[in-house]
Amino acid sequence: MTQIARTPRQLGEVLRRYRTLAKLSQTQLAAKAGLRQATISQIEGGHGATRVETLCAVLAALDVELTVAPRSKSSAKDIEDIF
């Protein structure tokens, strides 16, 4: 499943979706990533000050990867409507 995220909030929603598909609680994901549950909550809530290192730990724990690609012509609002 490929997901598009252009804002911290959208990225948080995508990561929450993958966590849920993996049948993990925030606490379980935090343990796998070596983080605190509160950090997972902040990321999923769209907190914009997440360090890249922290994000990489979450991606690895979920066994997903980040792909960078040129923006499509859709607006951020169009993407938000998907969620």
Protein backbone atom coordinates (compact mmCIF):
# COMPACT_ATOMS: atom_id res chain seq x y z
CA MET A 1 0.00 0.00 0.00
CA THR A 2 1.50 3.31 -1.07
CA GLN A 3 0.49 6.40 0.89
CA ILE A 4 1.10 10.07 0.13
CA ALA A 5 1.89 12.44 3.00
CA ARG A 6 2.77 16.10 2.59
CA THR A 7 2.35 17.36 6.13
CA PRO A 8 3.39 16.09 9.56
CA ARG A 9 -0.28 15.39 10.31
CA GLN A 10 -0.69 13.30 7.16
CA LEU A 11 2.52 11.40 7.89
CA GLY A 12 1.27 10.69 11.40
CA GLU A 13 -1.98 9.30 9.98
CA VAL A 14 -0.07 7.06 7.56
CA LEU A 15 2.15 5.72 10.32
CA ARG A 16 -0.87 5.11 12.57
CA ARG A 17 -2.49 3.15 9.73
CA TYR A 18 0.61 0.96 9.31
CA ARG A 19 0.86 0.44 13.09
CA THR A 20 -2.77 -0.63 13.20
CA LEU A 21 -2.28 -3.01 10.25
CA ALA A 22 0.67 -4.52 12.13
CA LYS A 23 -1.65 -5.01 15.13
CA LEU A 24 0.70 -3.06 17.39
CA SER A 25 -0.22 -0.70 20.19
CA GLN A 26 1.68 2.56 20.51
CA THR A 27 3.51 1.02 23.48
CA GLN A 28 4.54 -2.04 21.47
CA LEU A 29 5.73 0.06 18.54
CA ALA A 30 7.66 2.32 20.89
CA ALA A 31 9.42 -0.71 22.40
CA LYS A 32 10.36 -2.03 18.94
CA ALA A 33 11.69 1.40 17.92
CA GLY A 34 13.50 2.07 21.21
CA LEU A 35 11.30 5.08 21.92
CA ARG A 36 8.71 6.19 24.45
CA GLN A 37 4.99 5.69 23.85
CA ALA A 38 4.53 9.45 24.15
CA THR A 39 6.88 9.93 21.19
CA ILE A 40 4.77 7.61 19.03
CA SER A 41 1.67 9.52 20.12
CA GLN A 42 3.27 12.84 19.14
CA ILE A 43 4.32 11.53 15.72
CA GLU A 44 0.89 10.08 15.02
CA GLY A 45 -0.68 13.34 16.17
CA GLY A 46 1.31 15.28 13.57
CA HIS A 47 3.83 16.95 15.89
CA GLY A 48 6.14 18.74 13.49
CA ALA A 49 9.37 18.70 15.47
CA THR A 50 10.16 14.99 15.10
CA ARG A 51 13.82 14.26 14.45
CA VAL A 52 14.70 12.37 11.28
CA GLU A 53 16.54 9.81 13.39
CA THR A 54 13.36 9.17 15.39
CA LEU A 55 11.24 8.89 12.26
CA CYS A 56 13.72 6.38 10.80
CA ALA A 57 13.46 4.25 13.95
CA VAL A 58 9.66 4.17 13.63
CA LEU A 59 9.82 3.32 9.93
CA ALA A 60 12.24 0.47 10.62
CA ALA A 61 10.11 -0.87 13.47
CA LEU A 62 7.09 -0.91 11.14
CA ASP A 63 9.16 -2.49 8.35
CA VAL A 64 8.26 0.31 5.92
CA GLU A 65 10.37 2.82 4.06
CA LEU A 66 10.11 6.45 3.08
CA THR A 67 10.18 7.24 -0.64
CA VAL A 68 10.83 10.75 -1.88
CA ALA A 69 9.29 11.62 -5.24
CA PRO A 70 8.33 14.74 -7.17
CA ARG A 71 4.99 16.19 -6.07
CA SER A 72 1.95 15.25 -8.04
CA LYS A 73 -0.42 17.98 -9.16
CA SER A 74 -2.90 17.25 -6.32
CA SER A 75 -3.19 19.85 -3.61
CA ALA A 76 -2.57 19.16 0.07
CA LYS A 77 -6.34 19.51 0.61
CA ASP A 78 -7.00 16.77 -1.96
CA ILE A 79 -4.60 14.50 -0.09
CA GLU A 80 -6.27 15.31 3.24
CA ASP A 81 -9.62 14.27 1.76
CA ILE A 82 -8.20 10.76 1.35
CA PHE A 83 -7.79 10.52 5.10
